[in-house]
Amino acid sequence: MSNKPSNTAAAVELQASDLPAHCPNPAMPLWSSHPRVYLDLSHGDSATCSYCGTVYKLAAGTVLKAH
């Protein structure tokens, strides 16, 4: 059994317009807030918040454009 926080809810799916990705996201209730963390999705199609364990993933077909 792992001591890591687990989030049994489905992953939060992001579109290119949602980037840069951050947690907590606007849909989360204020009482469950934690410091804002920006998530790096450039090295894969998903990232996990180190505070709450929420998983964020890019929607199928989403293309990241280089700056």
Protein backbone atom coordinates (compact mmCIF):
# COMPACT_ATOMS: atom_id res chain seq x y z
CA MET A 1 0.00 0.00 0.00
CA SER A 2 1.36 3.39 -1.00
CA ASN A 3 1.46 6.52 1.17
CA LYS A 4 0.90 8.72 -1.87
CA PRO A 5 -2.39 10.58 -2.00
CA SER A 6 -4.81 8.97 -4.39
CA ASN A 7 -7.57 10.57 -6.37
CA THR A 8 -10.21 8.10 -7.46
CA ALA A 9 -12.00 10.65 -9.65
CA ALA A 10 -11.46 10.65 -13.39
CA ALA A 11 -8.58 12.68 -14.78
CA VAL A 12 -9.21 16.32 -15.66
CA GLU A 13 -9.07 16.55 -19.45
CA LEU A 14 -7.41 19.67 -20.86
CA GLN A 15 -7.58 21.38 -24.24
CA ALA A 16 -4.82 23.58 -25.67
CA SER A 17 -6.84 26.64 -24.59
CA ASP A 18 -6.58 25.46 -20.94
CA LEU A 19 -2.79 25.79 -20.93
CA PRO A 20 -0.76 26.61 -18.97
CA ALA A 21 -2.26 23.95 -16.73
CA HIS A 22 -2.47 24.58 -13.01
CA CYS A 23 -3.97 23.08 -9.90
CA PRO A 24 -6.23 23.83 -8.14
CA ASN A 25 -8.39 24.30 -11.19
CA PRO A 26 -11.35 26.72 -11.36
CA ALA A 27 -13.88 23.89 -10.89
CA MET A 28 -12.48 22.89 -7.48
CA PRO A 29 -14.32 24.18 -4.39
CA LEU A 30 -12.57 26.92 -2.43
CA TRP A 31 -12.44 24.83 0.77
CA SER A 32 -10.19 22.27 -0.92
CA SER A 33 -7.65 24.81 -2.19
CA HIS A 34 -3.91 24.53 -1.90
CA PRO A 35 -1.09 26.70 -3.28
CA ARG A 36 -1.23 27.02 -7.09
CA VAL A 37 1.05 24.57 -8.88
CA TYR A 38 1.75 24.76 -12.61
CA LEU A 39 1.84 21.39 -14.34
CA ASP A 40 4.26 20.44 -17.12
CA LEU A 41 2.52 18.42 -19.81
CA SER A 42 5.26 18.88 -22.41
CA HIS A 43 6.98 15.58 -21.62
CA GLY A 44 3.91 13.36 -21.73
CA ASP A 45 0.19 13.39 -21.97
CA SER A 46 -0.51 13.64 -18.23
CA ALA A 47 0.68 15.23 -14.98
CA THR A 48 -0.27 14.76 -11.33
CA CYS A 49 -0.63 17.52 -8.74
CA SER A 50 1.90 17.01 -5.95
CA TYR A 51 -0.52 18.48 -3.36
CA CYS A 52 -3.82 16.72 -3.99
CA GLY A 53 -3.04 13.96 -6.47
CA THR A 54 -5.43 15.20 -9.16
CA VAL A 55 -4.42 13.84 -12.55
CA TYR A 56 -4.53 16.16 -15.55
CA LYS A 57 -4.28 14.88 -19.12
CA LEU A 58 -4.40 16.34 -22.59
CA ALA A 59 -7.54 15.60 -24.60
CA ALA A 60 -7.06 13.23 -27.51
CA GLY A 61 -5.71 15.06 -30.52
CA THR A 62 -4.44 18.08 -28.56
CA VAL A 63 -1.19 19.37 -30.03
CA LEU A 64 1.25 21.41 -27.96
CA LYS A 65 2.94 24.15 -29.93
CA ALA A 66 6.49 25.23 -29.19
CA HIS A 67 7.12 28.86 -28.31
